Amino acid sequence: MLSALPAGLAVGSGGLIGLVLGVIGGGGSILAVPLLVYAVGMASPHMAIGTAAFAVAVNAAAGLALHARRSRLRWPCAIVFSIAGVAGAFVGAAAGKAVDGQKLLALFGVLMMLVGGLMLRPKAAGERASLWLSRESASRLLPRLTVLGAAVGLLSGFFGIGGGFLIVPGLMLAADMELKEATSASLIAVLAFGLASATSYAWSGLVDWPVALLLIAGGAAGAIAGTRLNSVLAQRRGLLTKVFAWFVILAGVYVSGRGFATLLG
């Protein structure tokens, strides 16, 4: 049973996770694990990963409901991407539980910095317009959505995270989505991947259910604030892209720095 202080910290951590998910559609779980270990005081990193995966999935569902009320979601593309990714997430989670977490996070932090850097590149004037999945576009979109979805799902399960940092760029690359579209659609995949990873960890007894419920309670309030902030930022062209990209880069610096410091220590 958690005392009042750790319980309050768990609720506050959930609020921050929900806020990040609402604003950028990802990044919550990369914050959740350090918060659970260093703020709440959870001793087992793998228990923190499993708990975070479940809480982030539920918070993503809350954020998805809010985004669905405010914008038109790209359901067909997101569903194909998610189905392909769930299979990869189960495989990745099984492998990730057998590997030292610090090694995985150190490498993932480097990947996050690369992804953020790529997203800061100016968009070429002649880039293709965003397409909806239809009979006419299926021959082009389905292979891209399937391959990228499976790859992102594999990494999501392997690193024990929701995968929003890769889901958003993955959807943008696979279906030529704008960032705002990808942010909303990514919550479908975050929900699916998070549940797949959490199921794998729960099967191994690596989910702290009371802490997960506290994270979810805080995350509901954070998701409401984050979704409103997303709408404000989206009104200024290019700002949301820059916020997302720099968030990815800075989080990548932190994650890789902690990982490499542990490995070299």
Foldseek 3Di string as FASTA:
>chain_A
DADPQLLVLLLQLLLVLLLVCQQQVFDSLLSQLCSCCPVSNDPDSLLSLLLSLQLSLLLLVLLLVVVVVVDPALVVLLVLLQVLLLVLLLVLQVQQVVDDLLVLLLVVLVVLQVLLVVLPDDDDPPDDAFDRDDPVCCVQQNVLSNVQSNVQSNSCNNNSGLSSSSQQVSSCVRGVDDSLNSSSSSSSNSNSSSVSNSVNSVVVVSYDVVSSVSSNNSSSNSNVNNNVVNVVQVVDPPRSSNVSSVVSNVSSCVRSVVSVVVVVD
